[in-house]
């Protein structure tokens, strides 16, 4: 399974299905999610490839209020990590105000590490 297919399977239905890789379409309705693969490294040993990769994914949730952004971020972390031994949330503490993009647009972020078989 590709990283994109894995992320889509876990969070594709959140935020009304408004989930985008790397860049959102022009100003979608809020809330929406943009996820970015930060790194994707094959797991190897000294003598073999382990048929696994470890990826770091940054997830950005955009919403009209800080509370809604935080709520959807929690849903994303739960969908990506809960019940899945292959994923863990690394950093879920960032919240920003994105008035440069649009007035009253809030961004909550989470970094999630996933080990998967590509």
Protein backbone atom coordinates (compact mmCIF):
# COMPACT_ATOMS: atom_id res chain seq x y z
CA UNK A 1 0.00 0.00 0.00
CA UNK A 2 1.36 3.43 -0.85
CA UNK A 3 1.64 6.15 1.77
CA UNK A 4 -1.07 8.15 0.02
CA UNK A 5 -3.46 5.20 -0.02
CA UNK A 6 -2.79 4.55 3.67
CA UNK A 7 -3.43 8.18 4.68
CA UNK A 8 -6.54 8.36 2.48
CA UNK A 9 -7.92 5.12 3.97
CA UNK A 10 -7.55 6.47 7.49
CA UNK A 11 -8.57 10.14 7.18
CA UNK A 12 -10.20 10.48 3.75
CA UNK A 13 -13.71 10.72 5.18
CA UNK A 14 -12.89 13.41 7.78
CA UNK A 15 -13.73 17.10 7.29
CA UNK A 16 -16.51 16.22 4.87
CA UNK A 17 -14.02 14.43 2.63
CA UNK A 18 -12.05 17.64 2.06
CA UNK A 19 -8.60 16.02 2.43
CA UNK A 20 -5.78 17.06 0.12
CA UNK A 21 -2.17 15.98 -0.37
CA UNK A 22 0.32 18.88 -0.42
CA UNK A 23 -2.06 21.64 -1.54
CA UNK A 24 -5.78 22.33 -1.25
CA UNK A 25 -7.92 23.43 -4.14
CA UNK A 26 -8.64 27.17 -4.23
CA UNK A 27 -10.21 28.05 -0.84
CA UNK A 28 -12.36 25.00 -0.10
CA UNK A 29 -15.10 25.14 2.50
CA UNK A 30 -13.86 24.72 6.05
CA UNK A 31 -12.86 22.60 7.74
CA UNK A 32 -10.36 20.97 5.41
CA UNK A 33 -7.19 18.95 5.81
CA UNK A 34 -3.89 19.17 3.94
CA UNK A 35 -1.29 16.50 4.60
CA UNK A 36 2.34 16.51 3.50
CA UNK A 37 4.85 13.69 3.41
CA UNK A 38 7.90 15.17 5.17
CA UNK A 39 10.10 12.08 4.84
CA UNK A 40 9.67 8.49 3.69
CA UNK A 41 12.65 6.28 4.40
CA UNK A 42 12.95 2.53 3.72
CA UNK A 43 13.79 0.51 6.83
CA UNK A 44 16.96 -1.48 6.26
CA UNK A 45 19.34 -3.60 8.26
CA UNK A 46 23.04 -4.06 7.55
CA UNK A 47 22.30 -6.88 5.13
CA UNK A 48 18.71 -6.52 3.93
CA UNK A 49 15.70 -4.38 3.12
CA UNK A 50 12.87 -5.03 5.59
CA UNK A 51 9.90 -4.41 3.24
CA UNK A 52 8.91 -1.46 5.42
CA UNK A 53 9.27 2.29 5.29
CA UNK A 54 8.92 4.89 8.01
CA UNK A 55 7.26 8.11 6.94
CA UNK A 56 6.79 11.39 8.76
CA UNK A 57 3.55 13.10 7.74
CA UNK A 58 2.57 16.65 8.66
CA UNK A 59 -1.17 17.22 8.85
CA UNK A 60 -2.63 20.73 8.71
CA UNK A 61 -6.27 21.28 9.62
CA UNK A 62 -7.83 24.57 8.53
CA UNK A 63 -11.09 25.74 10.10
CA UNK A 64 -13.11 28.88 10.83
CA UNK A 65 -12.45 28.68 14.58
CA UNK A 66 -9.53 27.54 16.70
CA UNK A 67 -11.80 25.11 18.55
CA UNK A 68 -12.98 23.48 15.32
CA UNK A 69 -9.40 23.20 14.00
CA UNK A 70 -8.32 21.57 17.26
CA UNK A 71 -11.32 19.21 17.23
CA UNK A 72 -10.64 18.02 13.67
CA UNK A 73 -6.91 17.66 14.46
CA UNK A 74 -7.86 15.36 17.35
CA UNK A 75 -10.05 13.34 14.95
CA UNK A 76 -7.11 13.06 12.52
CA UNK A 77 -4.69 11.87 15.21
CA UNK A 78 -7.27 9.37 16.48
CA UNK A 79 -7.98 8.05 12.97
CA UNK A 80 -4.28 7.77 12.12
CA UNK A 81 -3.03 6.32 15.41
CA UNK A 82 -5.74 4.71 17.56
CA UNK A 83 -5.87 0.97 17.02
CA UNK A 84 -2.89 1.07 14.66
CA UNK A 85 0.45 -0.13 16.05
CA UNK A 86 2.20 1.32 13.02
CA UNK A 87 1.57 5.03 13.75
CA UNK A 88 2.29 7.48 16.53
CA UNK A 89 1.68 11.19 16.93
CA UNK A 90 4.99 13.01 17.35
CA UNK A 91 3.88 16.62 17.83
CA UNK A 92 0.30 17.83 18.15
CA UNK A 93 0.78 21.15 19.91
CA UNK A 94 0.95 23.76 17.15
CA UNK A 95 -1.91 26.17 16.43
CA UNK A 96 -1.66 29.24 14.19
CA UNK A 97 -3.93 31.98 12.86
CA UNK A 98 -3.75 32.12 9.06
CA UNK A 99 -5.14 35.58 8.29
CA UNK A 100 -2.62 35.89 5.45
CA UNK A 101 -4.56 33.15 3.64
CA UNK A 102 -8.05 34.26 4.62
CA UNK A 103 -9.55 36.23 7.51
CA UNK A 104 -10.57 34.02 10.43
CA UNK A 105 -8.80 30.89 9.19
CA UNK A 106 -7.19 28.82 11.93
CA UNK A 107 -4.60 26.07 11.41
CA UNK A 108 -3.96 23.18 13.80
CA UNK A 109 -1.04 20.88 12.98
CA UNK A 110 0.10 17.40 13.89
CA UNK A 111 3.18 15.39 12.92
CA UNK A 112 2.57 11.65 12.66
CA UNK A 113 5.16 8.92 12.14
CA UNK A 114 3.92 5.84 10.28
CA UNK A 115 5.69 2.55 9.59
CA UNK A 116 4.13 0.76 6.64
CA UNK A 117 4.78 -1.81 3.91
CA UNK A 118 4.92 -0.02 0.55
